[in-house]
Amino acid sequence: MIAFDLRCSNGHSFEGWFKDLESFNEQDSQGMVTCPSCRSTNITRVLSPVAIKSRQGEEKPTEVEPDYQKLAKGMMEYIRNNFDDVGADFSKEALKMHYGVAKKRNIRGSATGKEEETLKDEGIKFFKIPSIKPKDGDD
């Protein structure tokens, strides 16, 4: 068995277990691999930890220390480029989408503590990212 880190065209990440790479490719080509969040069948494999075979054929996991600063910058760039900035109207827009008044889309913005509680009470899931100011010279 092999586990692959997968992502759908809507940006949802999930894990899939397959007999081997050929099994994944076959199932994916037949539209059998679906996102558990949105049911999309447009799936891609994403980079995941690697294993290196030694001369004796034993697999030894390779420890790779992630560059967290680079990952954070990449995540923030992705959010800036792929989410509509609704500013202080975040909770209003989230509620409109939740109740079908507005088309669902990726949004970003800010909310007060009270607005966050309202969203939680209404069953609206959101992810809070702390604001980080770049150092001088960084974008």
C-alpha atoms as a PDB file:
ATOM      1  CA  MET A   1       0.000   0.000   0.000  1.00  0.00           C
ATOM      2  CA  ILE A   2       1.074   3.566  -0.670  1.00  0.00           C
ATOM      3  CA  ALA A   3      -0.378   6.840   0.594  1.00  0.00           C
ATOM      4  CA  PHE A   4      -0.485   9.897  -1.645  1.00  0.00           C
ATOM      5  CA  ASP A   5      -1.146  13.485  -0.636  1.00  0.00           C
ATOM      6  CA  LEU A   6      -3.784  14.745  -3.068  1.00  0.00           C
ATOM      7  CA  ARG A   7      -5.409  18.077  -3.937  1.00  0.00           C
ATOM      8  CA  CYS A   8      -8.531  18.829  -5.961  1.00  0.00           C
ATOM      9  CA  SER A   9      -8.963  21.704  -8.407  1.00  0.00           C
ATOM     10  CA  ASN A  10     -10.787  23.644  -5.655  1.00  0.00           C
ATOM     11  CA  GLY A  11      -7.708  23.531  -3.410  1.00  0.00           C
ATOM     12  CA  HIS A  12      -8.889  20.909  -0.900  1.00  0.00           C
ATOM     13  CA  SER A  13      -6.080  18.647   0.347  1.00  0.00           C
ATOM     14  CA  PHE A  14      -6.602  15.042   1.398  1.00  0.00           C
ATOM     15  CA  GLU A  15      -4.850  11.680   1.550  1.00  0.00           C
ATOM     16  CA  GLY A  16      -5.515   8.583  -0.544  1.00  0.00           C
ATOM     17  CA  TRP A  17      -4.303   5.006  -0.091  1.00  0.00           C
ATOM     18  CA  PHE A  18      -3.630   2.836  -3.146  1.00  0.00           C
ATOM     19  CA  LYS A  19      -2.056  -0.513  -3.970  1.00  0.00           C
ATOM     20  CA  ASP A  20       0.617   1.261  -6.021  1.00  0.00           C
ATOM     21  CA  LEU A  21       1.132   4.217  -8.383  1.00  0.00           C
ATOM     22  CA  GLU A  22      -0.387   2.291 -11.280  1.00  0.00           C
ATOM     23  CA  SER A  23      -3.542   1.665  -9.225  1.00  0.00           C
ATOM     24  CA  PHE A  24      -3.835   5.391  -8.437  1.00  0.00           C
ATOM     25  CA  ASN A  25      -3.333   6.353 -12.102  1.00  0.00           C
ATOM     26  CA  GLU A  26      -5.950   3.842 -13.247  1.00  0.00           C
ATOM     27  CA  GLN A  27      -8.551   4.941 -10.690  1.00  0.00           C
ATOM     28  CA  ASP A  28      -7.830   8.634 -11.335  1.00  0.00           C
ATOM     29  CA  SER A  29      -8.185   8.237 -15.123  1.00  0.00           C
ATOM     30  CA  GLN A  30     -11.605   6.607 -14.580  1.00  0.00           C
ATOM     31  CA  GLY A  31     -12.779   9.472 -12.317  1.00  0.00           C
ATOM     32  CA  MET A  32     -12.903   7.183  -9.303  1.00  0.00           C
ATOM     33  CA  VAL A  33     -10.704   9.407  -7.092  1.00  0.00           C
ATOM     34  CA  THR A  34     -12.884  12.163  -5.651  1.00  0.00           C
ATOM     35  CA  CYS A  35     -12.373  14.988  -3.179  1.00  0.00           C
ATOM     36  CA  PRO A  36     -14.149  14.206   0.103  1.00  0.00           C
ATOM     37  CA  SER A  37     -14.983  17.912   0.563  1.00  0.00           C
ATOM     38  CA  CYS A  38     -16.465  18.919  -2.798  1.00  0.00           C
ATOM     39  CA  ARG A  39     -16.633  15.642  -4.807  1.00  0.00           C
ATOM     40  CA  SER A  40     -14.384  17.051  -7.563  1.00  0.00           C
ATOM     41  CA  THR A  41     -12.684  14.416  -9.705  1.00  0.00           C
ATOM     42  CA  ASN A  42     -10.006  16.837 -10.982  1.00  0.00           C
ATOM     43  CA  ILE A  43      -7.279  15.505  -8.666  1.00  0.00           C
ATOM     44  CA  THR A  44      -3.502  15.970  -8.600  1.00  0.00           C
ATOM     45  CA  ARG A  45      -0.817  14.418  -6.438  1.00  0.00           C
ATOM     46  CA  VAL A  46       1.199  16.859  -4.324  1.00  0.00           C
ATOM     47  CA  LEU A  47       4.716  16.614  -2.963  1.00  0.00           C
ATOM     48  CA  SER A  48       4.935  14.463   0.146  1.00  0.00           C
ATOM     49  CA  PRO A  49       7.724  13.046   2.328  1.00  0.00           C
ATOM     50  CA  VAL A  50      10.029  10.713   0.454  1.00  0.00           C
ATOM     51  CA  ALA A  51      11.616   7.351   1.190  1.00  0.00           C
ATOM     52  CA  ILE A  52      15.002   6.308  -0.178  1.00  0.00           C
ATOM     53  CA  LYS A  53      15.912   2.664  -0.777  1.00  0.00           C
ATOM     54  CA  SER A  54      19.254   1.620   0.632  1.00  0.00           C
ATOM     55  CA  ARG A  55      21.552  -0.794  -1.153  1.00  0.00           C
ATOM     56  CA  GLN A  56      20.004  -3.656   0.767  1.00  0.00           C
ATOM     57  CA  GLY A  57      16.547  -2.632  -0.492  1.00  0.00           C
ATOM     58  CA  GLU A  58      15.354  -1.326   2.890  1.00  0.00           C
ATOM     59  CA  GLU A  59      13.403   1.895   2.849  1.00  0.00           C
ATOM     60  CA  LYS A  60      14.757   4.633   5.077  1.00  0.00           C
ATOM     61  CA  PRO A  61      12.670   7.776   5.502  1.00  0.00           C
ATOM     62  CA  THR A  62      14.548  10.936   4.677  1.00  0.00           C
ATOM     63  CA  GLU A  63      14.188  13.701   7.228  1.00  0.00           C
ATOM     64  CA  VAL A  64      13.765  17.029   5.452  1.00  0.00           C
ATOM     65  CA  GLU A  65      13.442  20.144   7.590  1.00  0.00           C
ATOM     66  CA  PRO A  66      10.786  22.304   5.931  1.00  0.00           C
ATOM     67  CA  ASP A  67      11.501  25.964   5.255  1.00  0.00           C
ATOM     68  CA  TYR A  68       8.560  27.286   7.276  1.00  0.00           C
ATOM     69  CA  GLN A  69       9.146  30.889   6.231  1.00  0.00           C
ATOM     70  CA  LYS A  70       9.006  29.937   2.556  1.00  0.00           C
ATOM     71  CA  LEU A  71       5.889  27.824   3.159  1.00  0.00           C
ATOM     72  CA  ALA A  72       4.159  30.683   4.994  1.00  0.00           C
ATOM     73  CA  LYS A  73       5.023  33.152   2.213  1.00  0.00           C
ATOM     74  CA  GLY A  74       3.723  30.712  -0.397  1.00  0.00           C
ATOM     75  CA  MET A  75       0.496  30.169   1.528  1.00  0.00           C
ATOM     76  CA  MET A  76      -0.097  33.905   1.940  1.00  0.00           C
ATOM     77  CA  GLU A  77       0.620  34.508  -1.761  1.00  0.00           C
ATOM     78  CA  TYR A  78      -1.823  31.740  -2.699  1.00  0.00           C
ATOM     79  CA  ILE A  79      -4.525  33.271  -0.486  1.00  0.00           C
ATOM     80  CA  ARG A  80      -3.915  36.777  -1.884  1.00  0.00           C
ATOM     81  CA  ASN A  81      -4.180  35.464  -5.461  1.00  0.00           C
ATOM     82  CA  ASN A  82      -7.090  33.049  -5.043  1.00  0.00           C
ATOM     83  CA  PHE A  83      -9.410  34.547  -2.417  1.00  0.00           C
ATOM     84  CA  ASP A  84     -11.619  37.631  -2.798  1.00  0.00           C
ATOM     85  CA  ASP A  85     -10.696  40.264  -0.193  1.00  0.00           C
ATOM     86  CA  VAL A  86     -13.992  41.322   1.398  1.00  0.00           C
ATOM     87  CA  GLY A  87     -12.314  43.239   4.225  1.00  0.00           C
ATOM     88  CA  ALA A  88     -14.493  43.907   7.272  1.00  0.00           C
ATOM     89  CA  ASP A  89     -17.511  42.363   5.478  1.00  0.00           C
ATOM     90  CA  PHE A  90     -16.111  38.847   5.951  1.00  0.00           C
ATOM     91  CA  SER A  91     -18.855  37.627   8.290  1.00  0.00           C
ATOM     92  CA  LYS A  92     -21.636  39.212   6.184  1.00  0.00           C
ATOM     93  CA  GLU A  93     -20.330  37.556   3.011  1.00  0.00           C
ATOM     94  CA  ALA A  94     -19.822  34.205   4.742  1.00  0.00           C
ATOM     95  CA  LEU A  95     -23.416  34.286   6.036  1.00  0.00           C
ATOM     96  CA  LYS A  96     -24.773  35.210   2.584  1.00  0.00           C
ATOM     97  CA  MET A  97     -22.931  32.269   1.000  1.00  0.00           C
ATOM     98  CA  HIS A  98     -24.002  29.913   3.794  1.00  0.00           C
ATOM     99  CA  TYR A  99     -27.672  30.734   3.228  1.00  0.00           C
ATOM    100  CA  GLY A 100     -27.488  30.741  -0.577  1.00  0.00           C
ATOM    101  CA  VAL A 101     -27.962  34.482  -1.025  1.00  0.00           C
ATOM    102  CA  ALA A 102     -24.535  34.833  -2.636  1.00  0.00           C
ATOM    103  CA  LYS A 103     -22.521  32.462  -4.827  1.00  0.00           C
ATOM    104  CA  LYS A 104     -19.995  30.376  -2.875  1.00  0.00           C
ATOM    105  CA  ARG A 105     -16.403  31.433  -3.409  1.00  0.00           C
ATOM    106  CA  ASN A 106     -13.127  31.712  -1.544  1.00  0.00           C
ATOM    107  CA  ILE A 107     -13.053  34.856   0.579  1.00  0.00           C
ATOM    108  CA  ARG A 108     -10.669  36.497   2.989  1.00  0.00           C
ATOM    109  CA  GLY A 109     -11.084  39.412   5.344  1.00  0.00           C
ATOM    110  CA  SER A 110     -11.478  40.277   8.989  1.00  0.00           C
ATOM    111  CA  ALA A 111     -14.101  39.671  11.646  1.00  0.00           C
ATOM    112  CA  THR A 112     -14.590  40.765  15.218  1.00  0.00           C
ATOM    113  CA  GLY A 113     -14.672  38.237  18.036  1.00  0.00           C
ATOM    114  CA  LYS A 114     -18.463  38.572  18.197  1.00  0.00           C
ATOM    115  CA  GLU A 115     -18.771  37.992  14.438  1.00  0.00           C
ATOM    116  CA  GLU A 116     -16.559  34.893  14.725  1.00  0.00           C
ATOM    117  CA  GLU A 117     -18.864  33.523  17.441  1.00  0.00           C
ATOM    118  CA  THR A 118     -21.893  34.155  15.213  1.00  0.00           C
ATOM    119  CA  LEU A 119     -20.246  32.268  12.339  1.00  0.00           C
ATOM    120  CA  LYS A 120     -19.455  29.345  14.668  1.00  0.00           C
ATOM    121  CA  ASP A 121     -23.023  29.337  16.034  1.00  0.00           C
ATOM    122  CA  GLU A 122     -24.369  29.214  12.466  1.00  0.00           C
ATOM    123  CA  GLY A 123     -22.119  26.244  11.647  1.00  0.00           C
ATOM    124  CA  ILE A 124     -19.906  28.177   9.240  1.00  0.00           C
ATOM    125  CA  LYS A 125     -16.343  26.872   9.143  1.00  0.00           C
ATOM    126  CA  PHE A 126     -13.519  29.330   8.654  1.00  0.00           C
ATOM    127  CA  PHE A 127      -9.787  29.363   9.226  1.00  0.00           C
ATOM    128  CA  LYS A 128      -8.213  32.206  11.147  1.00  0.00           C
ATOM    129  CA  ILE A 129      -4.706  33.245  10.109  1.00  0.00           C
ATOM    130  CA  PRO A 130      -2.893  35.706  12.356  1.00  0.00           C
ATOM    131  CA  SER A 131      -1.739  38.886  10.730  1.00  0.00           C
ATOM    132  CA  ILE A 132       2.020  38.889  10.301  1.00  0.00           C
ATOM    133  CA  LYS A 133       3.788  42.045   9.257  1.00  0.00           C
ATOM    134  CA  PRO A 134       6.756  41.477   6.906  1.00  0.00           C
ATOM    135  CA  LYS A 135      10.260  42.475   7.987  1.00  0.00           C
ATOM    136  CA  ASP A 136      11.840  45.439   6.240  1.00  0.00           C
ATOM    137  CA  GLY A 137      12.796  44.390   2.738  1.00  0.00           C
ATOM    138  CA  ASP A 138      10.279  41.486   2.649  1.00  0.00           C
ATOM    139  CA  ASP A 139       7.027  41.596   0.697  1.00  0.00           C
END
